[in-house]
Amino acid sequence: MAECIRLDRQCAQICRLAASLMAQGSEYASQICRLCADICKACGDECAKHDAEHCQECAKACHRCAEACEAMA
């Protein structure tokens, strides 16, 4: 599960950055949101590989986040 944890941390970091740039009205927000969507999808796909309930919940949350980021981009 090391890869899952690594991606969870990266996902959280890019989500914070995307939210911050959107709040600032940054001209780079849409580009960051595209990257955020990619990372969130990768994180969700990795978490979905594990049977633990918290991993499945994380996968769903990451995939929802990816969809929201794609819409923002």
N, C-alpha and C. Protein backbone atom coordinates (compact mmCIF):
# COMPACT_ATOMS: atom_id res chain seq x y z
N MET A 1 0.81 -1.20 0.00
CA MET A 1 0.00 0.00 0.00
C MET A 1 0.85 1.27 0.00
N ALA A 2 2.14 1.13 -0.13
CA ALA A 2 3.02 2.29 -0.12
C ALA A 2 2.69 3.25 -1.27
N GLU A 3 2.41 2.71 -2.45
CA GLU A 3 2.07 3.56 -3.59
C GLU A 3 0.75 4.29 -3.34
N CYS A 4 -0.17 3.62 -2.70
CA CYS A 4 -1.46 4.22 -2.37
C CYS A 4 -1.25 5.42 -1.44
N ILE A 5 -0.46 5.25 -0.44
CA ILE A 5 -0.19 6.33 0.52
C ILE A 5 0.55 7.48 -0.16
N ARG A 6 1.52 7.16 -1.01
CA ARG A 6 2.27 8.18 -1.73
C ARG A 6 1.34 9.02 -2.60
N LEU A 7 0.45 8.35 -3.32
CA LEU A 7 -0.49 9.07 -4.18
C LEU A 7 -1.51 9.86 -3.37
N ASP A 8 -1.93 9.31 -2.22
CA ASP A 8 -2.85 10.05 -1.34
C ASP A 8 -2.24 11.40 -0.94
N ARG A 9 -0.99 11.38 -0.58
CA ARG A 9 -0.32 12.61 -0.15
C ARG A 9 -0.19 13.60 -1.31
N GLN A 10 0.19 13.09 -2.48
CA GLN A 10 0.31 13.97 -3.63
C GLN A 10 -1.05 14.54 -4.03
N CYS A 11 -2.06 13.73 -3.96
CA CYS A 11 -3.42 14.17 -4.28
C CYS A 11 -3.84 15.30 -3.34
N ALA A 12 -3.62 15.11 -2.08
CA ALA A 12 -4.00 16.14 -1.10
C ALA A 12 -3.24 17.44 -1.35
N GLN A 13 -1.96 17.33 -1.68
CA GLN A 13 -1.16 18.53 -1.94
C GLN A 13 -1.64 19.28 -3.17
N ILE A 14 -1.92 18.57 -4.26
CA ILE A 14 -2.34 19.25 -5.48
C ILE A 14 -3.74 19.82 -5.31
N CYS A 15 -4.58 19.15 -4.53
CA CYS A 15 -5.94 19.68 -4.28
C CYS A 15 -5.86 20.99 -3.50
N ARG A 16 -4.98 21.05 -2.50
CA ARG A 16 -4.81 22.30 -1.75
C ARG A 16 -4.32 23.42 -2.65
N LEU A 17 -3.36 23.11 -3.51
CA LEU A 17 -2.83 24.10 -4.43
C LEU A 17 -3.91 24.58 -5.40
N ALA A 18 -4.66 23.64 -5.97
CA ALA A 18 -5.72 24.00 -6.92
C ALA A 18 -6.76 24.89 -6.26
N ALA A 19 -7.17 24.54 -5.06
CA ALA A 19 -8.17 25.34 -4.35
C ALA A 19 -7.63 26.74 -4.06
N SER A 20 -6.37 26.83 -3.67
CA SER A 20 -5.77 28.12 -3.37
C SER A 20 -5.70 29.00 -4.62
N LEU A 21 -5.27 28.43 -5.73
CA LEU A 21 -5.16 29.21 -6.96
C LEU A 21 -6.54 29.63 -7.49
N MET A 22 -7.52 28.76 -7.35
CA MET A 22 -8.88 29.14 -7.76
C MET A 22 -9.39 30.28 -6.90
N ALA A 23 -9.15 30.22 -5.60
CA ALA A 23 -9.60 31.27 -4.69
C ALA A 23 -8.94 32.61 -5.02
N GLN A 24 -7.72 32.56 -5.53
CA GLN A 24 -7.00 33.78 -5.89
C GLN A 24 -7.37 34.29 -7.28
N GLY A 25 -8.14 33.49 -8.02
CA GLY A 25 -8.47 33.87 -9.38
C GLY A 25 -7.28 33.78 -10.32
N SER A 26 -6.35 32.89 -10.02
CA SER A 26 -5.12 32.75 -10.80
C SER A 26 -5.40 32.34 -12.24
N GLU A 27 -4.64 32.93 -13.15
CA GLU A 27 -4.74 32.54 -14.55
C GLU A 27 -4.20 31.14 -14.81
N TYR A 28 -3.54 30.56 -13.82
CA TYR A 28 -2.99 29.21 -13.94
C TYR A 28 -3.88 28.15 -13.32
N ALA A 29 -4.99 28.55 -12.75
CA ALA A 29 -5.86 27.61 -12.04
C ALA A 29 -6.36 26.48 -12.94
N SER A 30 -6.74 26.79 -14.16
CA SER A 30 -7.27 25.74 -15.03
C SER A 30 -6.21 24.70 -15.37
N GLN A 31 -4.97 25.14 -15.55
CA GLN A 31 -3.89 24.19 -15.83
C GLN A 31 -3.63 23.29 -14.62
N ILE A 32 -3.64 23.90 -13.44
CA ILE A 32 -3.44 23.12 -12.22
C ILE A 32 -4.61 22.16 -12.02
N CYS A 33 -5.82 22.60 -12.34
CA CYS A 33 -6.99 21.72 -12.19
C CYS A 33 -6.88 20.51 -13.12
N ARG A 34 -6.34 20.69 -14.31
CA ARG A 34 -6.14 19.54 -15.21
C ARG A 34 -5.16 18.55 -14.60
N LEU A 35 -4.07 19.07 -14.07
CA LEU A 35 -3.09 18.20 -13.41
C LEU A 35 -3.69 17.55 -12.17
N CYS A 36 -4.45 18.32 -11.42
CA CYS A 36 -5.12 17.80 -10.22
C CYS A 36 -6.04 16.63 -10.60
N ALA A 37 -6.78 16.78 -11.69
CA ALA A 37 -7.67 15.71 -12.14
C ALA A 37 -6.88 14.44 -12.46
N ASP A 38 -5.75 14.59 -13.12
CA ASP A 38 -4.92 13.43 -13.46
C ASP A 38 -4.41 12.72 -12.21
N ILE A 39 -3.93 13.51 -11.25
CA ILE A 39 -3.40 12.92 -10.02
C ILE A 39 -4.51 12.28 -9.20
N CYS A 40 -5.66 12.95 -9.09
CA CYS A 40 -6.78 12.38 -8.34
C CYS A 40 -7.26 11.08 -8.98
N LYS A 41 -7.30 11.02 -10.30
CA LYS A 41 -7.71 9.79 -10.97
C LYS A 41 -6.72 8.67 -10.69
N ALA A 42 -5.43 8.98 -10.79
CA ALA A 42 -4.41 7.97 -10.51
C ALA A 42 -4.51 7.48 -9.07
N CYS A 43 -4.75 8.40 -8.15
CA CYS A 43 -4.89 8.04 -6.74
C CYS A 43 -6.12 7.14 -6.55
N GLY A 44 -7.24 7.53 -7.15
CA GLY A 44 -8.45 6.72 -7.03
C GLY A 44 -8.28 5.35 -7.63
N ASP A 45 -7.62 5.26 -8.77
CA ASP A 45 -7.38 3.96 -9.40
C ASP A 45 -6.52 3.06 -8.52
N GLU A 46 -5.50 3.65 -7.90
CA GLU A 46 -4.62 2.88 -7.01
C GLU A 46 -5.38 2.42 -5.77
N CYS A 47 -6.12 3.32 -5.15
CA CYS A 47 -6.86 2.96 -3.94
C CYS A 47 -7.90 1.88 -4.22
N ALA A 48 -8.50 1.92 -5.41
CA ALA A 48 -9.53 0.94 -5.78
C ALA A 48 -8.99 -0.48 -5.86
N LYS A 49 -7.67 -0.63 -5.98
CA LYS A 49 -7.05 -1.96 -6.05
C LYS A 49 -7.08 -2.69 -4.72
N HIS A 50 -7.30 -1.95 -3.62
CA HIS A 50 -7.24 -2.54 -2.28
C HIS A 50 -8.65 -2.79 -1.77
N ASP A 51 -8.83 -3.90 -1.06
CA ASP A 51 -10.15 -4.31 -0.60
C ASP A 51 -10.63 -3.60 0.65
N ALA A 52 -9.75 -2.96 1.38
CA ALA A 52 -10.15 -2.32 2.64
C ALA A 52 -11.23 -1.26 2.37
N GLU A 53 -12.19 -1.18 3.28
CA GLU A 53 -13.30 -0.24 3.10
C GLU A 53 -12.82 1.20 2.97
N HIS A 54 -11.82 1.59 3.79
CA HIS A 54 -11.34 2.96 3.71
C HIS A 54 -10.67 3.23 2.36
N CYS A 55 -10.06 2.23 1.76
CA CYS A 55 -9.45 2.40 0.43
C CYS A 55 -10.54 2.59 -0.63
N GLN A 56 -11.61 1.84 -0.51
CA GLN A 56 -12.71 1.98 -1.47
C GLN A 56 -13.38 3.35 -1.34
N GLU A 57 -13.53 3.84 -0.12
CA GLU A 57 -14.10 5.17 0.10
C GLU A 57 -13.16 6.25 -0.46
N CYS A 58 -11.88 6.06 -0.25
CA CYS A 58 -10.89 6.99 -0.77
C CYS A 58 -10.94 7.01 -2.30
N ALA A 59 -11.04 5.84 -2.91
CA ALA A 59 -11.12 5.75 -4.37
C ALA A 59 -12.31 6.53 -4.90
N LYS A 60 -13.46 6.38 -4.26
CA LYS A 60 -14.66 7.10 -4.69
C LYS A 60 -14.46 8.61 -4.56
N ALA A 61 -13.88 9.04 -3.44
CA ALA A 61 -13.65 10.47 -3.22
C ALA A 61 -12.67 11.03 -4.25
N CYS A 62 -11.62 10.29 -4.53
CA CYS A 62 -10.63 10.75 -5.51
C CYS A 62 -11.23 10.84 -6.91
N HIS A 63 -12.06 9.87 -7.27
CA HIS A 63 -12.68 9.92 -8.60
C HIS A 63 -13.68 11.07 -8.69
N ARG A 64 -14.42 11.35 -7.61
CA ARG A 64 -15.32 12.52 -7.61
C ARG A 64 -14.51 13.81 -7.74
N CYS A 65 -13.40 13.88 -7.05
CA CYS A 65 -12.54 15.06 -7.12
C CYS A 65 -12.00 15.23 -8.53
N ALA A 66 -11.59 14.14 -9.17
CA ALA A 66 -11.09 14.21 -10.53
C ALA A 66 -12.15 14.78 -11.47
N GLU A 67 -13.39 14.34 -11.30
CA GLU A 67 -14.49 14.84 -12.14
C GLU A 67 -14.69 16.35 -11.90
N ALA A 68 -14.64 16.77 -10.66
CA ALA A 68 -14.82 18.19 -10.35
C ALA A 68 -13.68 19.03 -10.92
N CYS A 69 -12.46 18.52 -10.82
CA CYS A 69 -11.32 19.24 -11.37
C CYS A 69 -11.40 19.33 -12.89
N GLU A 70 -11.84 18.26 -13.53
CA GLU A 70 -12.00 18.30 -14.98
C GLU A 70 -13.02 19.36 -15.37
N ALA A 71 -14.09 19.46 -14.61
CA ALA A 71 -15.11 20.47 -14.89
C ALA A 71 -14.57 21.88 -14.71
N MET A 72 -13.71 22.07 -13.73
CA MET A 72 -13.12 23.39 -13.47
C MET A 72 -12.10 23.76 -14.55
N ALA A 73 -11.43 22.75 -15.09
CA ALA A 73 -10.39 23.01 -16.10
C ALA A 73 -11.05 23.40 -17.40
